[in-house]
């Protein structure tokens, strides 16, 4: 029984380590986000047009999937496809980490 507990614990720790290593580096993403700022703002919280999404505070895995889908053509937007085509897998993970770590500014002023 004790041996099973050790094996299960080791497996769980291994999976957690793999999951953590798949995450991007937010600081590296900040440096790579200058092109994104033209439409989404530097921190992704204030898009310049209503049809451009707020990136700040979105889930990291959602952002990475969206960028990967633009790159592959699963999502169809000519502007985003052009930008995403230039990104490596690490770039995508870093950008996703940066924007997900930002706070959305969705306050309503009355």
PDB file of N, CA and C in Angstrom:
ATOM      1  N   UNK A   1       0.825  -1.194   0.000  1.00  0.00           N
ATOM      2  CA  UNK A   1       0.000   0.000   0.000  1.00  0.00           C
ATOM      3  C   UNK A   1       0.865   1.252   0.000  1.00  0.00           C
ATOM      4  N   UNK A   2       1.898   1.213   0.840  1.00  0.00           N
ATOM      5  CA  UNK A   2       2.783   2.365   0.937  1.00  0.00           C
ATOM      6  C   UNK A   2       3.471   2.630  -0.409  1.00  0.00           C
ATOM      7  N   UNK A   3       3.819   1.560  -1.104  1.00  0.00           N
ATOM      8  CA  UNK A   3       4.480   1.668  -2.403  1.00  0.00           C
ATOM      9  C   UNK A   3       3.559   2.329  -3.436  1.00  0.00           C
ATOM     10  N   UNK A   4       2.268   2.009  -3.410  1.00  0.00           N
ATOM     11  CA  UNK A   4       1.295   2.605  -4.333  1.00  0.00           C
ATOM     12  C   UNK A   4       1.173   4.100  -4.071  1.00  0.00           C
ATOM     13  N   UNK A   5       1.136   4.488  -2.808  1.00  0.00           N
ATOM     14  CA  UNK A   5       1.041   5.905  -2.447  1.00  0.00           C
ATOM     15  C   UNK A   5       2.256   6.658  -2.972  1.00  0.00           C
ATOM     16  N   UNK A   6       3.418   6.091  -2.833  1.00  0.00           N
ATOM     17  CA  UNK A   6       4.643   6.736  -3.321  1.00  0.00           C
ATOM     18  C   UNK A   6       4.605   6.887  -4.841  1.00  0.00           C
ATOM     19  N   UNK A   7       4.178   5.861  -5.543  1.00  0.00           N
ATOM     20  CA  UNK A   7       4.113   5.911  -7.006  1.00  0.00           C
ATOM     21  C   UNK A   7       3.106   6.955  -7.468  1.00  0.00           C
ATOM     22  N   UNK A   8       1.933   6.972  -6.859  1.00  0.00           N
ATOM     23  CA  UNK A   8       0.896   7.944  -7.235  1.00  0.00           C
ATOM     24  C   UNK A   8       1.376   9.367  -6.948  1.00  0.00           C
ATOM     25  N   UNK A   9       2.007   9.579  -5.807  1.00  0.00           N
ATOM     26  CA  UNK A   9       2.523  10.897  -5.453  1.00  0.00           C
ATOM     27  C   UNK A   9       3.599  11.344  -6.443  1.00  0.00           C
ATOM     28  N   UNK A  10       4.496  10.463  -6.775  1.00  0.00           N
ATOM     29  CA  UNK A  10       5.557  10.793  -7.736  1.00  0.00           C
ATOM     30  C   UNK A  10       4.969  11.130  -9.101  1.00  0.00           C
ATOM     31  N   UNK A  11       3.977  10.382  -9.527  1.00  0.00           N
ATOM     32  CA  UNK A  11       3.329  10.652 -10.814  1.00  0.00           C
ATOM     33  C   UNK A  11       2.645  12.006 -10.791  1.00  0.00           C
ATOM     34  N   UNK A  12       1.961  12.328  -9.700  1.00  0.00           N
ATOM     35  CA  UNK A  12       1.270  13.617  -9.592  1.00  0.00           C
ATOM     36  C   UNK A  12       2.260  14.768  -9.621  1.00  0.00           C
ATOM     37  N   UNK A  13       3.370  14.617  -8.934  1.00  0.00           N
ATOM     38  CA  UNK A  13       4.393  15.660  -8.948  1.00  0.00           C
ATOM     39  C   UNK A  13       5.000  15.820 -10.337  1.00  0.00           C
ATOM     40  N   UNK A  14       5.184  14.733 -11.040  1.00  0.00           N
ATOM     41  CA  UNK A  14       5.710  14.788 -12.406  1.00  0.00           C
ATOM     42  C   UNK A  14       4.764  15.509 -13.341  1.00  0.00           C
ATOM     43  N   UNK A  15       3.473  15.246 -13.217  1.00  0.00           N
ATOM     44  CA  UNK A  15       2.478  15.924 -14.050  1.00  0.00           C
ATOM     45  C   UNK A  15       2.451  17.409 -13.721  1.00  0.00           C
ATOM     46  N   UNK A  16       2.507  17.751 -12.443  1.00  0.00           N
ATOM     47  CA  UNK A  16       2.516  19.159 -12.050  1.00  0.00           C
ATOM     48  C   UNK A  16       3.746  19.872 -12.598  1.00  0.00           C
ATOM     49  N   UNK A  17       4.880  19.203 -12.580  1.00  0.00           N
ATOM     50  CA  UNK A  17       6.103  19.809 -13.109  1.00  0.00           C
ATOM     51  C   UNK A  17       6.000  20.022 -14.609  1.00  0.00           C
ATOM     52  N   UNK A  18       5.425  19.063 -15.324  1.00  0.00           N
ATOM     53  CA  UNK A  18       5.231  19.231 -16.763  1.00  0.00           C
ATOM     54  C   UNK A  18       4.300  20.386 -17.054  1.00  0.00           C
ATOM     55  N   UNK A  19       3.222  20.516 -16.283  1.00  0.00           N
ATOM     56  CA  UNK A  19       2.259  21.592 -16.480  1.00  0.00           C
ATOM     57  C   UNK A  19       2.915  22.949 -16.239  1.00  0.00           C
ATOM     58  N   UNK A  20       3.726  23.057 -15.186  1.00  0.00           N
ATOM     59  CA  UNK A  20       4.383  24.319 -14.867  1.00  0.00           C
ATOM     60  C   UNK A  20       5.386  24.705 -15.944  1.00  0.00           C
ATOM     61  N   UNK A  21       6.073  23.731 -16.527  1.00  0.00           N
ATOM     62  CA  UNK A  21       7.073  24.047 -17.538  1.00  0.00           C
ATOM     63  C   UNK A  21       6.434  24.480 -18.852  1.00  0.00           C
ATOM     64  N   UNK A  22       5.156  24.175 -19.034  1.00  0.00           N
ATOM     65  CA  UNK A  22       4.461  24.556 -20.258  1.00  0.00           C
ATOM     66  C   UNK A  22       4.024  26.013 -20.226  1.00  0.00           C
ATOM     67  N   UNK A  23       4.102  26.647 -19.104  1.00  0.00           N
ATOM     68  CA  UNK A  23       3.681  28.026 -18.958  1.00  0.00           C
ATOM     69  C   UNK A  23       4.732  28.962 -19.528  1.00  0.00           C
ATOM     70  N   UNK A  24       4.257  30.109 -19.979  1.00  0.00           N
ATOM     71  CA  UNK A  24       5.171  31.098 -20.528  1.00  0.00           C
ATOM     72  C   UNK A  24       5.764  31.977 -19.453  1.00  0.00           C
ATOM     73  N   UNK A  25       6.644  32.847 -19.876  1.00  0.00           N
ATOM     74  CA  UNK A  25       7.314  33.800 -19.005  1.00  0.00           C
ATOM     75  C   UNK A  25       6.683  35.171 -19.240  1.00  0.00           C
ATOM     76  N   UNK A  26       5.992  35.699 -18.230  1.00  0.00           N
ATOM     77  CA  UNK A  26       5.276  36.967 -18.377  1.00  0.00           C
ATOM     78  C   UNK A  26       6.214  38.128 -18.708  1.00  0.00           C
ATOM     79  N   UNK A  27       7.363  38.178 -18.070  1.00  0.00           N
ATOM     80  CA  UNK A  27       8.301  39.283 -18.349  1.00  0.00           C
ATOM     81  C   UNK A  27       8.802  39.226 -19.789  1.00  0.00           C
ATOM     82  N   UNK A  28       9.088  38.033 -20.275  1.00  0.00           N
ATOM     83  CA  UNK A  28       9.494  37.888 -21.674  1.00  0.00           C
ATOM     84  C   UNK A  28       8.340  38.287 -22.586  1.00  0.00           C
ATOM     85  N   UNK A  29       7.119  37.925 -22.206  1.00  0.00           N
ATOM     86  CA  UNK A  29       5.937  38.292 -22.983  1.00  0.00           C
ATOM     87  C   UNK A  29       5.735  39.790 -23.046  1.00  0.00           C
ATOM     88  N   UNK A  30       6.036  40.474 -21.963  1.00  0.00           N
ATOM     89  CA  UNK A  30       5.920  41.942 -21.937  1.00  0.00           C
ATOM     90  C   UNK A  30       6.801  42.552 -23.017  1.00  0.00           C
ATOM     91  N   UNK A  31       8.011  42.047 -23.134  1.00  0.00           N
ATOM     92  CA  UNK A  31       8.929  42.546 -24.154  1.00  0.00           C
ATOM     93  C   UNK A  31       8.495  42.233 -25.575  1.00  0.00           C
ATOM     94  N   UNK A  32       7.723  41.165 -25.733  1.00  0.00           N
ATOM     95  CA  UNK A  32       7.266  40.744 -27.065  1.00  0.00           C
ATOM     96  C   UNK A  32       5.927  41.370 -27.445  1.00  0.00           C
ATOM     97  N   UNK A  33       5.302  42.108 -26.537  1.00  0.00           N
ATOM     98  CA  UNK A  33       3.937  42.582 -26.743  1.00  0.00           C
ATOM     99  C   UNK A  33       3.834  43.951 -27.411  1.00  0.00           C
ATOM    100  N   UNK A  34       4.947  44.524 -27.838  1.00  0.00           N
ATOM    101  CA  UNK A  34       4.894  45.881 -28.396  1.00  0.00           C
ATOM    102  C   UNK A  34       4.012  45.962 -29.638  1.00  0.00           C
ATOM    103  N   UNK A  35       4.031  44.958 -30.482  1.00  0.00           N
ATOM    104  CA  UNK A  35       3.179  44.956 -31.677  1.00  0.00           C
ATOM    105  C   UNK A  35       1.713  44.867 -31.271  1.00  0.00           C
ATOM    106  N   UNK A  36       1.418  44.087 -30.258  1.00  0.00           N
ATOM    107  CA  UNK A  36       0.039  43.903 -29.782  1.00  0.00           C
ATOM    108  C   UNK A  36      -0.553  45.219 -29.262  1.00  0.00           C
ATOM    109  N   UNK A  37       0.319  46.067 -28.701  1.00  0.00           N
ATOM    110  CA  UNK A  37      -0.136  47.312 -28.073  1.00  0.00           C
ATOM    111  C   UNK A  37      -0.830  48.243 -29.055  1.00  0.00           C
ATOM    112  N   UNK A  38      -0.514  48.154 -30.326  1.00  0.00           N
ATOM    113  CA  UNK A  38      -1.135  49.041 -31.314  1.00  0.00           C
ATOM    114  C   UNK A  38      -2.654  48.893 -31.337  1.00  0.00           C
ATOM    115  N   UNK A  39      -3.157  47.700 -31.093  1.00  0.00           N
ATOM    116  CA  UNK A  39      -4.613  47.468 -31.115  1.00  0.00           C
ATOM    117  C   UNK A  39      -5.208  47.183 -29.742  1.00  0.00           C
ATOM    118  N   UNK A  40      -4.409  46.598 -28.839  1.00  0.00           N
ATOM    119  CA  UNK A  40      -4.955  46.127 -27.561  1.00  0.00           C
ATOM    120  C   UNK A  40      -4.457  46.924 -26.363  1.00  0.00           C
ATOM    121  N   UNK A  41      -3.571  47.868 -26.527  1.00  0.00           N
ATOM    122  CA  UNK A  41      -2.871  48.674 -25.517  1.00  0.00           C
ATOM    123  C   UNK A  41      -1.731  47.865 -24.908  1.00  0.00           C
ATOM    124  N   UNK A  42      -0.830  48.555 -24.235  1.00  0.00           N
ATOM    125  CA  UNK A  42       0.389  47.915 -23.719  1.00  0.00           C
ATOM    126  C   UNK A  42       0.097  46.757 -22.773  1.00  0.00           C
ATOM    127  N   UNK A  43      -0.935  46.883 -21.954  1.00  0.00           N
ATOM    128  CA  UNK A  43      -1.260  45.801 -21.019  1.00  0.00           C
ATOM    129  C   UNK A  43      -2.466  44.984 -21.458  1.00  0.00           C
ATOM    130  N   UNK A  44      -3.011  45.291 -22.632  1.00  0.00           N
ATOM    131  CA  UNK A  44      -4.131  44.528 -23.166  1.00  0.00           C
ATOM    132  C   UNK A  44      -5.480  44.889 -22.590  1.00  0.00           C
ATOM    133  N   UNK A  45      -5.542  46.001 -21.836  1.00  0.00           N
ATOM    134  CA  UNK A  45      -6.792  46.338 -21.145  1.00  0.00           C
ATOM    135  C   UNK A  45      -7.666  47.358 -21.876  1.00  0.00           C
ATOM    136  N   UNK A  46      -7.125  48.026 -22.887  1.00  0.00           N
ATOM    137  CA  UNK A  46      -7.885  49.068 -23.572  1.00  0.00           C
ATOM    138  C   UNK A  46      -7.727  48.951 -25.085  1.00  0.00           C
ATOM    139  N   UNK A  47      -8.529  48.095 -25.715  1.00  0.00           N
ATOM    140  CA  UNK A  47      -8.446  48.004 -27.169  1.00  0.00           C
ATOM    141  C   UNK A  47      -8.842  49.333 -27.809  1.00  0.00           C
ATOM    142  N   UNK A  48      -8.283  49.608 -28.980  1.00  0.00           N
ATOM    143  CA  UNK A  48      -8.554  50.891 -29.640  1.00  0.00           C
ATOM    144  C   UNK A  48      -9.889  50.897 -30.380  1.00  0.00           C
ATOM    145  N   UNK A  49     -10.480  49.754 -30.619  1.00  0.00           N
ATOM    146  CA  UNK A  49     -11.769  49.666 -31.304  1.00  0.00           C
ATOM    147  C   UNK A  49     -12.649  48.643 -30.580  1.00  0.00           C
ATOM    148  N   UNK A  50     -13.963  48.822 -30.649  1.00  0.00           N
ATOM    149  CA  UNK A  50     -14.852  47.903 -29.926  1.00  0.00           C
ATOM    150  C   UNK A  50     -14.833  46.460 -30.427  1.00  0.00           C
ATOM    151  N   UNK A  51     -14.369  46.231 -31.641  1.00  0.00           N
ATOM    152  CA  UNK A  51     -14.328  44.851 -32.152  1.00  0.00           C
ATOM    153  C   UNK A  51     -13.022  44.132 -31.811  1.00  0.00           C
ATOM    154  N   UNK A  52     -12.150  44.783 -31.064  1.00  0.00           N
ATOM    155  CA  UNK A  52     -10.897  44.171 -30.630  1.00  0.00           C
ATOM    156  C   UNK A  52     -11.031  43.773 -29.167  1.00  0.00           C
ATOM    157  N   UNK A  53     -10.673  42.563 -28.821  1.00  0.00           N
ATOM    158  CA  UNK A  53     -10.929  42.081 -27.457  1.00  0.00           C
ATOM    159  C   UNK A  53      -9.963  42.637 -26.415  1.00  0.00           C
ATOM    160  N   UNK A  54     -10.436  42.633 -25.186  1.00  0.00           N
ATOM    161  CA  UNK A  54      -9.591  42.909 -24.022  1.00  0.00           C
ATOM    162  C   UNK A  54      -8.810  41.626 -23.748  1.00  0.00           C
ATOM    163  N   UNK A  55      -7.503  41.736 -23.718  1.00  0.00           N
ATOM    164  CA  UNK A  55      -6.646  40.573 -23.469  1.00  0.00           C
ATOM    165  C   UNK A  55      -6.282  40.449 -21.993  1.00  0.00           C
ATOM    166  N   UNK A  56      -6.219  41.575 -21.294  1.00  0.00           N
ATOM    167  CA  UNK A  56      -5.810  41.578 -19.890  1.00  0.00           C
ATOM    168  C   UNK A  56      -6.752  40.734 -19.048  1.00  0.00           C
ATOM    169  N   UNK A  57      -6.165  39.840 -18.278  1.00  0.00           N
ATOM    170  CA  UNK A  57      -6.938  39.030 -17.353  1.00  0.00           C
ATOM    171  C   UNK A  57      -7.600  37.805 -17.954  1.00  0.00           C
ATOM    172  N   UNK A  58      -7.440  37.586 -19.247  1.00  0.00           N
ATOM    173  CA  UNK A  58      -7.993  36.373 -19.861  1.00  0.00           C
ATOM    174  C   UNK A  58      -7.192  35.164 -19.359  1.00  0.00           C
ATOM    175  N   UNK A  59      -7.776  33.997 -19.444  1.00  0.00           N
ATOM    176  CA  UNK A  59      -7.064  32.785 -19.047  1.00  0.00           C
ATOM    177  C   UNK A  59      -5.875  32.551 -19.975  1.00  0.00           C
ATOM    178  N   UNK A  60      -4.756  32.173 -19.377  1.00  0.00           N
ATOM    179  CA  UNK A  60      -3.521  31.959 -20.126  1.00  0.00           C
ATOM    180  C   UNK A  60      -3.692  30.905 -21.217  1.00  0.00           C
ATOM    181  N   UNK A  61      -4.335  29.793 -20.880  1.00  0.00           N
ATOM    182  CA  UNK A  61      -4.496  28.738 -21.878  1.00  0.00           C
ATOM    183  C   UNK A  61      -5.430  29.169 -23.010  1.00  0.00           C
ATOM    184  N   UNK A  62      -6.414  29.999 -22.715  1.00  0.00           N
ATOM    185  CA  UNK A  62      -7.310  30.524 -23.751  1.00  0.00           C
ATOM    186  C   UNK A  62      -6.531  31.407 -24.728  1.00  0.00           C
ATOM    187  N   UNK A  63      -5.701  32.304 -24.194  1.00  0.00           N
ATOM    188  CA  UNK A  63      -4.916  33.197 -25.046  1.00  0.00           C
ATOM    189  C   UNK A  63      -3.940  32.413 -25.919  1.00  0.00           C
ATOM    190  N   UNK A  64      -3.282  31.422 -25.328  1.00  0.00           N
ATOM    191  CA  UNK A  64      -2.337  30.601 -26.095  1.00  0.00           C
ATOM    192  C   UNK A  64      -3.063  29.846 -27.206  1.00  0.00           C
ATOM    193  N   UNK A  65      -4.234  29.314 -26.896  1.00  0.00           N
ATOM    194  CA  UNK A  65      -5.020  28.585 -27.906  1.00  0.00           C
ATOM    195  C   UNK A  65      -5.470  29.533 -29.010  1.00  0.00           C
ATOM    196  N   UNK A  66      -5.936  30.713 -28.644  1.00  0.00           N
ATOM    197  CA  UNK A  66      -6.388  31.676 -29.648  1.00  0.00           C
ATOM    198  C   UNK A  66      -5.243  32.060 -30.589  1.00  0.00           C
ATOM    199  N   UNK A  67      -4.073  32.369 -30.045  1.00  0.00           N
ATOM    200  CA  UNK A  67      -2.933  32.720 -30.895  1.00  0.00           C
ATOM    201  C   UNK A  67      -2.512  31.548 -31.780  1.00  0.00           C
ATOM    202  N   UNK A  68      -2.517  30.351 -31.213  1.00  0.00           N
ATOM    203  CA  UNK A  68      -2.175  29.163 -32.010  1.00  0.00           C
ATOM    204  C   UNK A  68      -3.188  28.948 -33.130  1.00  0.00           C
ATOM    205  N   UNK A  69      -4.462  29.197 -32.838  1.00  0.00           N
ATOM    206  CA  UNK A  69      -5.502  29.042 -33.856  1.00  0.00           C
ATOM    207  C   UNK A  69      -5.383  30.095 -34.957  1.00  0.00           C
ATOM    208  N   UNK A  70      -4.997  31.313 -34.604  1.00  0.00           N
ATOM    209  CA  UNK A  70      -4.748  32.329 -35.645  1.00  0.00           C
ATOM    210  C   UNK A  70      -3.573  31.901 -36.516  1.00  0.00           C
ATOM    211  N   UNK A  71      -2.544  31.395 -35.866  1.00  0.00           N
ATOM    212  CA  UNK A  71      -1.349  30.967 -36.598  1.00  0.00           C
ATOM    213  C   UNK A  71      -1.665  29.830 -37.566  1.00  0.00           C
ATOM    214  N   UNK A  72      -2.468  28.875 -37.124  1.00  0.00           N
ATOM    215  CA  UNK A  72      -2.781  27.715 -37.957  1.00  0.00           C
ATOM    216  C   UNK A  72      -3.881  27.988 -38.988  1.00  0.00           C
ATOM    217  N   UNK A  73      -4.626  29.067 -38.791  1.00  0.00           N
ATOM    218  CA  UNK A  73      -5.731  29.371 -39.695  1.00  0.00           C
ATOM    219  C   UNK A  73      -7.077  28.883 -39.192  1.00  0.00           C
ATOM    220  N   UNK A  74      -7.106  28.220 -38.022  1.00  0.00           N
ATOM    221  CA  UNK A  74      -8.385  27.786 -37.446  1.00  0.00           C
ATOM    222  C   UNK A  74      -9.281  28.988 -37.151  1.00  0.00           C
ATOM    223  N   UNK A  75      -8.667  30.069 -36.711  1.00  0.00           N
ATOM    224  CA  UNK A  75      -9.378  31.341 -36.547  1.00  0.00           C
ATOM    225  C   UNK A  75      -9.014  32.190 -37.748  1.00  0.00           C
ATOM    226  N   UNK A  76     -10.028  32.856 -38.283  1.00  0.00           N
ATOM    227  CA  UNK A  76      -9.812  33.586 -39.520  1.00  0.00           C
ATOM    228  C   UNK A  76      -9.909  35.090 -39.302  1.00  0.00           C
ATOM    229  N   UNK A  77      -8.764  35.718 -39.157  1.00  0.00           N
ATOM    230  CA  UNK A  77      -8.663  37.169 -39.109  1.00  0.00           C
ATOM    231  C   UNK A  77      -7.344  37.502 -39.791  1.00  0.00           C
ATOM    232  N   UNK A  78      -7.391  38.192 -40.935  1.00  0.00           N
ATOM    233  CA  UNK A  78      -6.155  38.414 -41.689  1.00  0.00           C
ATOM    234  C   UNK A  78      -5.078  39.169 -40.921  1.00  0.00           C
ATOM    235  N   UNK A  79      -5.479  40.110 -40.091  1.00  0.00           N
ATOM    236  CA  UNK A  79      -4.484  40.878 -39.330  1.00  0.00           C
ATOM    237  C   UNK A  79      -3.833  39.989 -38.283  1.00  0.00           C
ATOM    238  N   UNK A  80      -4.647  39.289 -37.492  1.00  0.00           N
ATOM    239  CA  UNK A  80      -4.098  38.428 -36.451  1.00  0.00           C
ATOM    240  C   UNK A  80      -3.326  37.252 -37.044  1.00  0.00           C
ATOM    241  N   UNK A  81      -3.787  36.725 -38.152  1.00  0.00           N
ATOM    242  CA  UNK A  81      -3.070  35.621 -38.796  1.00  0.00           C
ATOM    243  C   UNK A  81      -1.663  36.068 -39.190  1.00  0.00           C
ATOM    244  N   UNK A  82      -1.558  37.284 -39.716  1.00  0.00           N
ATOM    245  CA  UNK A  82      -0.251  37.820 -40.103  1.00  0.00           C
ATOM    246  C   UNK A  82       0.692  37.978 -38.926  1.00  0.00           C
ATOM    247  N   UNK A  83       0.160  38.488 -37.821  1.00  0.00           N
ATOM    248  CA  UNK A  83       0.990  38.650 -36.629  1.00  0.00           C
ATOM    249  C   UNK A  83       1.347  37.299 -36.017  1.00  0.00           C
ATOM    250  N   UNK A  84       0.348  36.427 -35.881  1.00  0.00           N
ATOM    251  CA  UNK A  84       0.575  35.132 -35.227  1.00  0.00           C
ATOM    252  C   UNK A  84       1.504  34.236 -36.039  1.00  0.00           C
ATOM    253  N   UNK A  85       1.510  34.386 -37.352  1.00  0.00           N
ATOM    254  CA  UNK A  85       2.365  33.561 -38.201  1.00  0.00           C
ATOM    255  C   UNK A  85       3.843  33.722 -37.848  1.00  0.00           C
ATOM    256  N   UNK A  86       4.190  34.875 -37.296  1.00  0.00           N
ATOM    257  CA  UNK A  86       5.587  35.162 -36.949  1.00  0.00           C
ATOM    258  C   UNK A  86       5.999  34.597 -35.592  1.00  0.00           C
ATOM    259  N   UNK A  87       5.029  34.136 -34.807  1.00  0.00           N
ATOM    260  CA  UNK A  87       5.300  33.738 -33.424  1.00  0.00           C
ATOM    261  C   UNK A  87       5.727  32.279 -33.306  1.00  0.00           C
ATOM    262  N   UNK A  88       6.711  32.047 -32.453  1.00  0.00           N
ATOM    263  CA  UNK A  88       7.093  30.674 -32.105  1.00  0.00           C
ATOM    264  C   UNK A  88       6.155  30.191 -30.995  1.00  0.00           C
ATOM    265  N   UNK A  89       6.230  28.903 -30.684  1.00  0.00           N
ATOM    266  CA  UNK A  89       5.426  28.356 -29.589  1.00  0.00           C
ATOM    267  C   UNK A  89       5.775  29.065 -28.281  1.00  0.00           C
ATOM    268  N   UNK A  90       7.061  29.321 -28.059  1.00  0.00           N
ATOM    269  CA  UNK A  90       7.487  30.017 -26.837  1.00  0.00           C
ATOM    270  C   UNK A  90       6.966  31.449 -26.816  1.00  0.00           C
ATOM    271  N   UNK A  91       6.990  32.144 -27.963  1.00  0.00           N
ATOM    272  CA  UNK A  91       6.437  33.499 -28.032  1.00  0.00           C
ATOM    273  C   UNK A  91       4.969  33.502 -27.622  1.00  0.00           C
ATOM    274  N   UNK A  92       4.220  32.546 -28.141  1.00  0.00           N
ATOM    275  CA  UNK A  92       2.790  32.437 -27.835  1.00  0.00           C
ATOM    276  C   UNK A  92       2.589  32.214 -26.338  1.00  0.00           C
ATOM    277  N   UNK A  93       3.356  31.323 -25.749  1.00  0.00           N
ATOM    278  CA  UNK A  93       3.232  31.047 -24.315  1.00  0.00           C
ATOM    279  C   UNK A  93       3.613  32.264 -23.477  1.00  0.00           C
ATOM    280  N   UNK A  94       4.660  32.981 -23.888  1.00  0.00           N
ATOM    281  CA  UNK A  94       5.092  34.176 -23.161  1.00  0.00           C
ATOM    282  C   UNK A  94       4.052  35.287 -23.256  1.00  0.00           C
ATOM    283  N   UNK A  95       3.503  35.509 -24.442  1.00  0.00           N
ATOM    284  CA  UNK A  95       2.473  36.540 -24.602  1.00  0.00           C
ATOM    285  C   UNK A  95       1.225  36.189 -23.798  1.00  0.00           C
ATOM    286  N   UNK A  96       0.841  34.935 -23.818  1.00  0.00           N
ATOM    287  CA  UNK A  96      -0.324  34.495 -23.043  1.00  0.00           C
ATOM    288  C   UNK A  96      -0.083  34.715 -21.550  1.00  0.00           C
ATOM    289  N   UNK A  97       1.123  34.425 -21.090  1.00  0.00           N
ATOM    290  CA  UNK A  97       1.454  34.633 -19.674  1.00  0.00           C
ATOM    291  C   UNK A  97       1.402  36.114 -19.319  1.00  0.00           C
ATOM    292  N   UNK A  98       1.918  36.968 -20.196  1.00  0.00           N
ATOM    293  CA  UNK A  98       1.922  38.417 -19.934  1.00  0.00           C
ATOM    294  C   UNK A  98       0.499  38.966 -19.841  1.00  0.00           C
ATOM    295  N   UNK A  99      -0.298  38.733 -20.857  1.00  0.00           N
ATOM    296  CA  UNK A  99      -1.633  39.318 -20.870  1.00  0.00           C
ATOM    297  C   UNK A  99      -2.529  38.719 -19.786  1.00  0.00           C
ATOM    298  N   UNK A 100      -2.374  37.444 -19.487  1.00  0.00           N
ATOM    299  CA  UNK A 100      -3.205  36.845 -18.433  1.00  0.00           C
ATOM    300  C   UNK A 100      -2.835  37.378 -17.051  1.00  0.00           C
ATOM    301  N   UNK A 101      -1.624  37.873 -16.891  1.00  0.00           N
ATOM    302  CA  UNK A 101      -1.197  38.398 -15.592  1.00  0.00           C
ATOM    303  C   UNK A 101      -1.609  39.852 -15.379  1.00  0.00           C
ATOM    304  N   UNK A 102      -2.184  40.483 -16.389  1.00  0.00           N
ATOM    305  CA  UNK A 102      -2.601  41.875 -16.286  1.00  0.00           C
ATOM    306  C   UNK A 102      -4.029  41.972 -15.754  1.00  0.00           C
ATOM    307  N   UNK A 103      -4.342  43.098 -15.145  1.00  0.00           N
ATOM    308  CA  UNK A 103      -5.689  43.301 -14.605  1.00  0.00           C
ATOM    309  C   UNK A 103      -6.568  43.995 -15.634  1.00  0.00           C
ATOM    310  N   UNK A 104      -7.731  43.409 -15.914  1.00  0.00           N
ATOM    311  CA  UNK A 104      -8.652  44.100 -16.822  1.00  0.00           C
ATOM    312  C   UNK A 104      -9.199  45.335 -16.116  1.00  0.00           C
ATOM    313  N   UNK A 105      -9.399  46.365 -16.862  1.00  0.00           N
ATOM    314  CA  UNK A 105      -9.925  47.610 -16.276  1.00  0.00           C
ATOM    315  C   UNK A 105     -11.370  47.762 -16.746  1.00  0.00           C
ATOM    316  N   UNK A 106     -12.253  47.014 -16.096  1.00  0.00           N
ATOM    317  CA  UNK A 106     -13.645  46.995 -16.498  1.00  0.00           C
ATOM    318  C   UNK A 106     -14.530  47.795 -15.531  1.00  0.00           C
ATOM    319  N   UNK A 107     -13.946  48.786 -14.878  1.00  0.00           N
ATOM    320  CA  UNK A 107     -14.718  49.611 -13.959  1.00  0.00           C
ATOM    321  C   UNK A 107     -15.710  50.478 -14.716  1.00  0.00           C
ATOM    322  N   UNK A 108     -16.856  50.657 -14.150  1.00  0.00           N
ATOM    323  CA  UNK A 108     -17.858  51.526 -14.736  1.00  0.00           C
ATOM    324  C   UNK A 108     -17.909  52.814 -13.916  1.00  0.00           C
ATOM    325  N   UNK A 109     -17.747  53.922 -14.587  1.00  0.00           N
ATOM    326  CA  UNK A 109     -17.818  55.218 -13.923  1.00  0.00           C
ATOM    327  C   UNK A 109     -19.232  55.749 -14.086  1.00  0.00           C
ATOM    328  N   UNK A 110     -19.850  56.105 -12.973  1.00  0.00           N
ATOM    329  CA  UNK A 110     -21.238  56.631 -13.029  1.00  0.00           C
ATOM    330  C   UNK A 110     -21.278  58.054 -12.586  1.00  0.00           C
TER     331      UNK A 110
END
